[in-house]
Amino acid sequence: MKQPYYDSILLIERLHRHFLEVLKVELDRQGVQDINNVQSLILYNIGEDELTVGELTARGYYLGSNVSYNVKKMHENGYLTQERSAHDRRSVRVRLSEKGIALRDKINTLFERQVGALGEAGLSADELNKANELMRKLERFWTSALDYTNYPASSAA
């Protein structure tokens, strides 16, 4: 069990890096030089929403310090607009600018092309659903590992 578990951890990390490389290549093809692949993924996930940096972090996609830096860079490069919350002046809400929406549309087109090619690559919706179910189980396992009251005791005491 140890080796398959470890192999899964390595594969998940490697898949994430490969996906980010796919985004980087697409940005290069589009001639987009003022945003990186991680920032473009954050931008895509913001979508039509208006969120705070805290809400982006709470979604579990990103580390807090990285989100703040990346949001700042995307704002500086015109992909996001920022507005202070009327209710809490300490809170800043972000949403996509016109430039951000245009890039999100390009990324969406990439995803649509990839979805169209999945069948040709021998991947079915059922297989992806099963893989997603497995990854959600791992996510729940790792989340429970953070709750030390429910985590199995170590045999090396």
N, C-alpha and C. Protein backbone atom coordinates (compact mmCIF):
# COMPACT_ATOMS: atom_id res chain seq x y z
N MET A 1 0.83 -1.21 0.00
CA MET A 1 0.00 0.00 0.00
C MET A 1 0.87 1.26 0.00
N LYS A 2 2.04 1.20 0.64
CA LYS A 2 2.87 2.40 0.75
C LYS A 2 3.30 2.91 -0.63
N GLN A 3 3.77 2.02 -1.51
CA GLN A 3 4.26 2.46 -2.81
C GLN A 3 3.15 3.03 -3.68
N PRO A 4 1.98 2.38 -3.78
CA PRO A 4 0.90 2.99 -4.59
C PRO A 4 0.47 4.35 -4.03
N TYR A 5 0.45 4.47 -2.71
CA TYR A 5 0.09 5.75 -2.08
C TYR A 5 1.11 6.83 -2.46
N TYR A 6 2.38 6.51 -2.31
CA TYR A 6 3.44 7.46 -2.65
C TYR A 6 3.41 7.80 -4.15
N ASP A 7 3.19 6.78 -4.99
CA ASP A 7 3.10 7.02 -6.44
C ASP A 7 1.95 7.97 -6.76
N SER A 8 0.82 7.83 -6.05
CA SER A 8 -0.32 8.72 -6.25
C SER A 8 0.03 10.16 -5.92
N ILE A 9 0.73 10.35 -4.80
CA ILE A 9 1.14 11.70 -4.39
C ILE A 9 2.01 12.33 -5.47
N LEU A 10 2.99 11.59 -5.95
CA LEU A 10 3.89 12.11 -6.99
C LEU A 10 3.14 12.40 -8.29
N LEU A 11 2.21 11.52 -8.65
CA LEU A 11 1.48 11.70 -9.89
C LEU A 11 0.58 12.92 -9.84
N ILE A 12 -0.10 13.13 -8.72
CA ILE A 12 -0.96 14.30 -8.59
C ILE A 12 -0.14 15.58 -8.77
N GLU A 13 1.00 15.64 -8.12
CA GLU A 13 1.87 16.83 -8.22
C GLU A 13 2.37 17.00 -9.66
N ARG A 14 2.77 15.90 -10.30
CA ARG A 14 3.29 15.97 -11.66
C ARG A 14 2.20 16.39 -12.64
N LEU A 15 0.98 15.87 -12.45
CA LEU A 15 -0.13 16.25 -13.32
C LEU A 15 -0.42 17.74 -13.22
N HIS A 16 -0.38 18.27 -12.00
CA HIS A 16 -0.62 19.70 -11.82
C HIS A 16 0.44 20.52 -12.55
N ARG A 17 1.71 20.12 -12.42
CA ARG A 17 2.78 20.85 -13.13
C ARG A 17 2.60 20.77 -14.65
N HIS A 18 2.21 19.58 -15.15
CA HIS A 18 1.98 19.43 -16.59
C HIS A 18 0.85 20.33 -17.07
N PHE A 19 -0.23 20.38 -16.29
CA PHE A 19 -1.34 21.24 -16.68
C PHE A 19 -0.91 22.71 -16.72
N LEU A 20 -0.15 23.13 -15.71
CA LEU A 20 0.34 24.52 -15.71
C LEU A 20 1.23 24.78 -16.92
N GLU A 21 1.98 23.78 -17.35
CA GLU A 21 2.82 23.94 -18.54
C GLU A 21 1.95 24.07 -19.79
N VAL A 22 0.85 23.33 -19.86
CA VAL A 22 -0.10 23.46 -20.98
C VAL A 22 -0.63 24.89 -21.03
N LEU A 23 -1.00 25.43 -19.87
CA LEU A 23 -1.47 26.83 -19.83
C LEU A 23 -0.38 27.79 -20.29
N LYS A 24 0.86 27.56 -19.86
CA LYS A 24 1.97 28.43 -20.26
C LYS A 24 2.16 28.41 -21.77
N VAL A 25 2.13 27.24 -22.35
CA VAL A 25 2.28 27.11 -23.81
C VAL A 25 1.15 27.85 -24.53
N GLU A 26 -0.07 27.72 -24.03
CA GLU A 26 -1.21 28.41 -24.65
C GLU A 26 -1.07 29.92 -24.53
N LEU A 27 -0.63 30.40 -23.37
CA LEU A 27 -0.41 31.85 -23.21
C LEU A 27 0.65 32.32 -24.20
N ASP A 28 1.73 31.55 -24.35
CA ASP A 28 2.78 31.91 -25.31
C ASP A 28 2.24 31.94 -26.73
N ARG A 29 1.42 30.95 -27.09
CA ARG A 29 0.81 30.91 -28.43
C ARG A 29 -0.06 32.13 -28.69
N GLN A 30 -0.73 32.59 -27.65
CA GLN A 30 -1.62 33.74 -27.77
C GLN A 30 -0.85 35.06 -27.70
N GLY A 31 0.47 34.99 -27.42
CA GLY A 31 1.28 36.20 -27.31
C GLY A 31 1.05 36.95 -26.01
N VAL A 32 0.52 36.25 -24.99
CA VAL A 32 0.25 36.87 -23.70
C VAL A 32 1.50 36.75 -22.84
N GLN A 33 2.12 37.88 -22.53
CA GLN A 33 3.37 37.88 -21.79
C GLN A 33 3.27 38.51 -20.40
N ASP A 34 2.14 39.14 -20.09
CA ASP A 34 2.04 39.91 -18.85
C ASP A 34 1.26 39.20 -17.74
N ILE A 35 1.07 37.89 -17.90
CA ILE A 35 0.41 37.09 -16.87
C ILE A 35 1.01 35.69 -16.95
N ASN A 36 1.19 35.06 -15.79
CA ASN A 36 1.75 33.71 -15.83
C ASN A 36 0.65 32.66 -15.75
N ASN A 37 1.04 31.41 -15.86
CA ASN A 37 0.07 30.32 -15.91
C ASN A 37 -0.74 30.21 -14.60
N VAL A 38 -0.09 30.37 -13.46
CA VAL A 38 -0.80 30.29 -12.18
C VAL A 38 -1.81 31.43 -12.08
N GLN A 39 -1.39 32.63 -12.45
CA GLN A 39 -2.30 33.78 -12.42
C GLN A 39 -3.47 33.57 -13.36
N SER A 40 -3.22 32.98 -14.53
CA SER A 40 -4.31 32.77 -15.48
C SER A 40 -5.30 31.74 -14.95
N LEU A 41 -4.84 30.77 -14.18
CA LEU A 41 -5.75 29.79 -13.58
C LEU A 41 -6.59 30.44 -12.49
N ILE A 42 -5.98 31.31 -11.69
CA ILE A 42 -6.75 32.07 -10.69
C ILE A 42 -7.80 32.91 -11.40
N LEU A 43 -7.38 33.60 -12.45
CA LEU A 43 -8.30 34.43 -13.23
C LEU A 43 -9.46 33.60 -13.75
N TYR A 44 -9.17 32.43 -14.29
CA TYR A 44 -10.22 31.57 -14.81
C TYR A 44 -11.20 31.17 -13.70
N ASN A 45 -10.66 30.86 -12.53
CA ASN A 45 -11.52 30.42 -11.42
C ASN A 45 -12.35 31.56 -10.83
N ILE A 46 -11.89 32.78 -10.95
CA ILE A 46 -12.71 33.92 -10.51
C ILE A 46 -13.96 34.00 -11.38
N GLY A 47 -13.77 33.82 -12.68
CA GLY A 47 -14.90 33.79 -13.59
C GLY A 47 -15.74 35.05 -13.53
N GLU A 48 -17.02 34.89 -13.35
CA GLU A 48 -17.95 36.02 -13.31
C GLU A 48 -18.17 36.51 -11.89
N ASP A 49 -17.51 35.89 -10.92
CA ASP A 49 -17.70 36.26 -9.52
C ASP A 49 -16.98 37.54 -9.15
N GLU A 50 -17.36 38.09 -8.04
CA GLU A 50 -16.66 39.21 -7.41
C GLU A 50 -16.29 38.70 -6.01
N LEU A 51 -14.99 38.58 -5.76
CA LEU A 51 -14.51 37.91 -4.56
C LEU A 51 -13.47 38.74 -3.83
N THR A 52 -13.27 38.40 -2.56
CA THR A 52 -12.13 38.94 -1.82
C THR A 52 -10.98 37.95 -1.94
N VAL A 53 -9.78 38.40 -1.62
CA VAL A 53 -8.62 37.51 -1.62
C VAL A 53 -8.87 36.38 -0.62
N GLY A 54 -9.47 36.70 0.50
CA GLY A 54 -9.78 35.68 1.50
C GLY A 54 -10.71 34.61 0.96
N GLU A 55 -11.69 35.02 0.17
CA GLU A 55 -12.61 34.05 -0.42
C GLU A 55 -11.89 33.14 -1.42
N LEU A 56 -10.96 33.71 -2.19
CA LEU A 56 -10.17 32.88 -3.11
C LEU A 56 -9.36 31.84 -2.34
N THR A 57 -8.76 32.28 -1.24
CA THR A 57 -7.97 31.38 -0.41
C THR A 57 -8.87 30.32 0.23
N ALA A 58 -10.04 30.74 0.71
CA ALA A 58 -10.97 29.82 1.38
C ALA A 58 -11.48 28.74 0.44
N ARG A 59 -11.51 29.03 -0.84
CA ARG A 59 -11.94 28.01 -1.81
C ARG A 59 -10.95 26.85 -1.85
N GLY A 60 -9.77 27.09 -1.30
CA GLY A 60 -8.81 26.00 -1.18
C GLY A 60 -7.91 25.81 -2.38
N TYR A 61 -7.96 26.73 -3.35
CA TYR A 61 -7.14 26.56 -4.54
C TYR A 61 -5.71 27.08 -4.37
N TYR A 62 -5.54 28.05 -3.48
CA TYR A 62 -4.29 28.79 -3.47
C TYR A 62 -3.84 29.08 -2.05
N LEU A 63 -2.54 29.31 -1.90
CA LEU A 63 -1.99 29.75 -0.62
C LEU A 63 -2.20 31.25 -0.49
N GLY A 64 -2.51 31.72 0.72
CA GLY A 64 -2.86 33.11 0.95
C GLY A 64 -1.86 34.12 0.44
N SER A 65 -0.58 33.95 0.79
CA SER A 65 0.41 34.94 0.37
C SER A 65 0.56 34.96 -1.14
N ASN A 66 0.46 33.81 -1.77
CA ASN A 66 0.56 33.75 -3.23
C ASN A 66 -0.64 34.42 -3.89
N VAL A 67 -1.82 34.25 -3.32
CA VAL A 67 -3.01 34.87 -3.89
C VAL A 67 -2.87 36.38 -3.85
N SER A 68 -2.46 36.92 -2.71
CA SER A 68 -2.31 38.38 -2.59
C SER A 68 -1.35 38.92 -3.63
N TYR A 69 -0.19 38.28 -3.77
CA TYR A 69 0.80 38.72 -4.74
C TYR A 69 0.24 38.62 -6.16
N ASN A 70 -0.37 37.47 -6.48
CA ASN A 70 -0.87 37.26 -7.84
C ASN A 70 -2.03 38.19 -8.18
N VAL A 71 -2.91 38.45 -7.22
CA VAL A 71 -4.00 39.40 -7.44
C VAL A 71 -3.42 40.79 -7.70
N LYS A 72 -2.42 41.18 -6.93
CA LYS A 72 -1.78 42.48 -7.13
C LYS A 72 -1.20 42.59 -8.54
N LYS A 73 -0.49 41.55 -8.99
CA LYS A 73 0.11 41.58 -10.33
C LYS A 73 -0.96 41.61 -11.43
N MET A 74 -2.04 40.85 -11.24
CA MET A 74 -3.10 40.84 -12.25
C MET A 74 -3.81 42.18 -12.31
N HIS A 75 -3.94 42.84 -11.16
CA HIS A 75 -4.54 44.18 -11.14
C HIS A 75 -3.62 45.17 -11.85
N GLU A 76 -2.33 45.11 -11.54
CA GLU A 76 -1.35 46.01 -12.17
C GLU A 76 -1.34 45.84 -13.69
N ASN A 77 -1.57 44.62 -14.16
CA ASN A 77 -1.53 44.35 -15.60
C ASN A 77 -2.90 44.44 -16.27
N GLY A 78 -3.90 44.90 -15.51
CA GLY A 78 -5.19 45.21 -16.10
C GLY A 78 -6.16 44.05 -16.25
N TYR A 79 -5.89 42.90 -15.62
CA TYR A 79 -6.78 41.76 -15.73
C TYR A 79 -7.90 41.78 -14.69
N LEU A 80 -7.68 42.49 -13.59
CA LEU A 80 -8.66 42.56 -12.51
C LEU A 80 -8.95 44.01 -12.16
N THR A 81 -10.16 44.24 -11.70
CA THR A 81 -10.48 45.51 -11.08
C THR A 81 -10.66 45.25 -9.59
N GLN A 82 -10.33 46.24 -8.79
CA GLN A 82 -10.45 46.12 -7.34
C GLN A 82 -11.36 47.22 -6.83
N GLU A 83 -12.13 46.88 -5.80
CA GLU A 83 -13.02 47.86 -5.20
C GLU A 83 -13.14 47.55 -3.71
N ARG A 84 -13.00 48.58 -2.90
CA ARG A 84 -13.17 48.40 -1.45
C ARG A 84 -14.62 48.05 -1.16
N SER A 85 -14.80 47.14 -0.24
CA SER A 85 -16.15 46.75 0.18
C SER A 85 -16.83 47.92 0.87
N ALA A 86 -18.08 48.14 0.56
CA ALA A 86 -18.84 49.22 1.20
C ALA A 86 -19.10 48.90 2.67
N HIS A 87 -19.15 47.63 3.00
CA HIS A 87 -19.47 47.20 4.36
C HIS A 87 -18.24 47.07 5.25
N ASP A 88 -17.10 46.69 4.67
CA ASP A 88 -15.86 46.51 5.43
C ASP A 88 -14.73 47.14 4.63
N ARG A 89 -14.35 48.35 4.98
CA ARG A 89 -13.36 49.11 4.21
C ARG A 89 -12.00 48.44 4.15
N ARG A 90 -11.75 47.46 5.04
CA ARG A 90 -10.47 46.73 5.00
C ARG A 90 -10.47 45.69 3.89
N SER A 91 -11.64 45.30 3.44
CA SER A 91 -11.79 44.23 2.47
C SER A 91 -11.83 44.79 1.05
N VAL A 92 -11.08 44.16 0.16
CA VAL A 92 -11.06 44.56 -1.25
C VAL A 92 -11.67 43.43 -2.08
N ARG A 93 -12.61 43.78 -2.91
CA ARG A 93 -13.25 42.81 -3.79
C ARG A 93 -12.63 42.94 -5.18
N VAL A 94 -12.42 41.80 -5.83
CA VAL A 94 -11.84 41.79 -7.18
C VAL A 94 -12.80 41.11 -8.14
N ARG A 95 -12.75 41.56 -9.38
CA ARG A 95 -13.49 40.91 -10.46
C ARG A 95 -12.70 41.11 -11.74
N LEU A 96 -13.05 40.35 -12.75
CA LEU A 96 -12.32 40.44 -14.01
C LEU A 96 -12.64 41.75 -14.72
N SER A 97 -11.61 42.34 -15.29
CA SER A 97 -11.79 43.51 -16.16
C SER A 97 -12.14 42.98 -17.55
N GLU A 98 -12.34 43.88 -18.49
CA GLU A 98 -12.60 43.46 -19.87
C GLU A 98 -11.43 42.63 -20.40
N LYS A 99 -10.21 43.05 -20.08
CA LYS A 99 -9.01 42.31 -20.50
C LYS A 99 -9.01 40.93 -19.85
N GLY A 100 -9.40 40.85 -18.60
CA GLY A 100 -9.47 39.57 -17.90
C GLY A 100 -10.52 38.65 -18.49
N ILE A 101 -11.67 39.22 -18.83
CA ILE A 101 -12.75 38.43 -19.44
C ILE A 101 -12.28 37.88 -20.79
N ALA A 102 -11.58 38.69 -21.56
CA ALA A 102 -11.08 38.24 -22.87
C ALA A 102 -10.11 37.07 -22.69
N LEU A 103 -9.23 37.15 -21.71
CA LEU A 103 -8.29 36.06 -21.49
C LEU A 103 -9.03 34.82 -20.97
N ARG A 104 -9.99 35.01 -20.09
CA ARG A 104 -10.76 33.87 -19.60
C ARG A 104 -11.46 33.17 -20.76
N ASP A 105 -11.97 33.92 -21.71
CA ASP A 105 -12.62 33.33 -22.87
C ASP A 105 -11.61 32.50 -23.68
N LYS A 106 -10.38 32.99 -23.82
CA LYS A 106 -9.34 32.23 -24.54
C LYS A 106 -9.00 30.94 -23.81
N ILE A 107 -8.93 31.00 -22.49
CA ILE A 107 -8.63 29.80 -21.70
C ILE A 107 -9.80 28.82 -21.81
N ASN A 108 -11.01 29.34 -21.80
CA ASN A 108 -12.19 28.49 -21.95
C ASN A 108 -12.17 27.77 -23.30
N THR A 109 -11.74 28.46 -24.33
CA THR A 109 -11.62 27.85 -25.66
C THR A 109 -10.61 26.71 -25.62
N LEU A 110 -9.49 26.90 -24.91
CA LEU A 110 -8.50 25.85 -24.75
C LEU A 110 -9.14 24.64 -24.07
N PHE A 111 -9.89 24.87 -22.98
CA PHE A 111 -10.54 23.77 -22.28
C PHE A 111 -11.52 23.03 -23.19
N GLU A 112 -12.27 23.79 -23.99
CA GLU A 112 -13.22 23.16 -24.91
C GLU A 112 -12.50 22.29 -25.93
N ARG A 113 -11.36 22.76 -26.45
CA ARG A 113 -10.55 21.95 -27.37
C ARG A 113 -10.07 20.68 -26.69
N GLN A 114 -9.62 20.82 -25.44
CA GLN A 114 -9.12 19.66 -24.72
C GLN A 114 -10.23 18.66 -24.45
N VAL A 115 -11.40 19.14 -24.06
CA VAL A 115 -12.54 18.25 -23.81
C VAL A 115 -12.88 17.49 -25.09
N GLY A 116 -12.83 18.17 -26.23
CA GLY A 116 -13.10 17.52 -27.50
C GLY A 116 -12.08 16.45 -27.85
N ALA A 117 -10.86 16.60 -27.37
CA ALA A 117 -9.79 15.65 -27.69
C ALA A 117 -9.69 14.51 -26.68
N LEU A 118 -10.41 14.59 -25.57
CA LEU A 118 -10.31 13.55 -24.54
C LEU A 118 -10.69 12.18 -25.07
N GLY A 119 -11.76 12.10 -25.84
CA GLY A 119 -12.19 10.82 -26.41
C GLY A 119 -11.12 10.21 -27.30
N GLU A 120 -10.48 11.06 -28.11
CA GLU A 120 -9.42 10.59 -28.99
C GLU A 120 -8.23 10.07 -28.19
N ALA A 121 -8.06 10.59 -26.97
CA ALA A 121 -6.96 10.14 -26.11
C ALA A 121 -7.35 8.91 -25.29
N GLY A 122 -8.58 8.40 -25.52
CA GLY A 122 -9.02 7.20 -24.84
C GLY A 122 -9.56 7.44 -23.44
N LEU A 123 -9.98 8.68 -23.16
CA LEU A 123 -10.53 9.00 -21.84
C LEU A 123 -12.03 9.25 -21.95
N SER A 124 -12.79 8.64 -21.06
CA SER A 124 -14.24 8.82 -21.06
C SER A 124 -14.66 9.65 -19.85
N ALA A 125 -15.87 10.16 -19.93
CA ALA A 125 -16.43 10.92 -18.80
C ALA A 125 -16.51 10.02 -17.57
N ASP A 126 -16.86 8.75 -17.76
CA ASP A 126 -16.95 7.82 -16.63
C ASP A 126 -15.58 7.65 -15.95
N GLU A 127 -14.53 7.52 -16.75
CA GLU A 127 -13.19 7.37 -16.17
C GLU A 127 -12.78 8.63 -15.41
N LEU A 128 -13.09 9.79 -15.98
CA LEU A 128 -12.76 11.04 -15.28
C LEU A 128 -13.56 11.17 -13.99
N ASN A 129 -14.83 10.79 -14.01
CA ASN A 129 -15.65 10.84 -12.80
C ASN A 129 -15.08 9.92 -11.72
N LYS A 130 -14.63 8.73 -12.10
CA LYS A 130 -14.04 7.81 -11.14
C LYS A 130 -12.72 8.36 -10.58
N ALA A 131 -11.92 8.97 -11.44
CA ALA A 131 -10.67 9.58 -10.98
C ALA A 131 -10.96 10.73 -10.02
N ASN A 132 -11.96 11.54 -10.34
CA ASN A 132 -12.34 12.65 -9.47
C ASN A 132 -12.83 12.15 -8.12
N GLU A 133 -13.60 11.07 -8.14
CA GLU A 133 -14.09 10.49 -6.89
C GLU A 133 -12.92 10.02 -6.02
N LEU A 134 -11.95 9.38 -6.64
CA LEU A 134 -10.77 8.94 -5.90
C LEU A 134 -9.99 10.12 -5.33
N MET A 135 -9.82 11.17 -6.12
CA MET A 135 -9.08 12.34 -5.62
C MET A 135 -9.84 13.03 -4.49
N ARG A 136 -11.17 13.05 -4.55
CA ARG A 136 -11.96 13.62 -3.44
C ARG A 136 -11.78 12.80 -2.17
N LYS A 137 -11.69 11.48 -2.30
CA LYS A 137 -11.44 10.63 -1.13
C LYS A 137 -10.07 10.95 -0.53
N LEU A 138 -9.07 11.11 -1.38
CA LEU A 138 -7.74 11.49 -0.88
C LEU A 138 -7.78 12.85 -0.20
N GLU A 139 -8.53 13.78 -0.80
CA GLU A 139 -8.67 15.11 -0.20
C GLU A 139 -9.29 15.00 1.19
N ARG A 140 -10.34 14.23 1.32
CA ARG A 140 -10.97 14.05 2.64
C ARG A 140 -10.02 13.38 3.63
N PHE A 141 -9.24 12.41 3.14
CA PHE A 141 -8.27 11.73 4.00
C PHE A 141 -7.23 12.74 4.50
N TRP A 142 -6.70 13.55 3.60
CA TRP A 142 -5.68 14.51 4.00
C TRP A 142 -6.27 15.60 4.88
N THR A 143 -7.51 15.99 4.62
CA THR A 143 -8.17 16.97 5.49
C THR A 143 -8.33 16.40 6.89
N SER A 144 -8.73 15.13 6.98
CA SER A 144 -8.88 14.52 8.30
C SER A 144 -7.54 14.35 8.99
N ALA A 145 -6.47 14.24 8.22
CA ALA A 145 -5.14 14.12 8.82
C ALA A 145 -4.74 15.41 9.52
N LEU A 146 -5.35 16.51 9.14
CA LEU A 146 -5.06 17.79 9.78
C LEU A 146 -5.78 17.92 11.11
N ASP A 147 -6.81 17.12 11.31
CA ASP A 147 -7.54 17.09 12.58
C ASP A 147 -6.89 16.02 13.44
N TYR A 148 -5.92 16.42 14.24
CA TYR A 148 -5.09 15.47 14.98
C TYR A 148 -5.88 14.63 15.98
N THR A 149 -7.09 15.06 16.34
CA THR A 149 -7.89 14.27 17.27
C THR A 149 -8.45 13.02 16.59
N ASN A 150 -8.61 13.07 15.26
CA ASN A 150 -9.14 11.91 14.53
C ASN A 150 -8.07 11.16 13.75
N TYR A 151 -6.85 11.67 13.75
CA TYR A 151 -5.78 11.05 12.96
C TYR A 151 -5.26 9.82 13.68
N PRO A 152 -5.07 8.71 12.95
CA PRO A 152 -4.56 7.49 13.59
C PRO A 152 -3.20 7.76 14.28
N ALA A 153 -3.05 7.24 15.48
CA ALA A 153 -1.82 7.43 16.24
C ALA A 153 -0.66 6.77 15.52
N SER A 154 0.49 7.40 15.60
CA SER A 154 1.70 6.86 15.01
C SER A 154 2.16 5.67 15.84
N SER A 155 2.66 4.64 15.15
CA SER A 155 3.17 3.47 15.87
C SER A 155 4.55 3.72 16.44
N ALA A 156 5.19 4.78 15.99
CA ALA A 156 6.54 5.13 16.49
C ALA A 156 6.40 6.19 17.56
N ALA A 157 6.18 5.75 18.81
CA ALA A 157 5.97 6.71 19.90
C ALA A 157 7.23 6.98 20.65
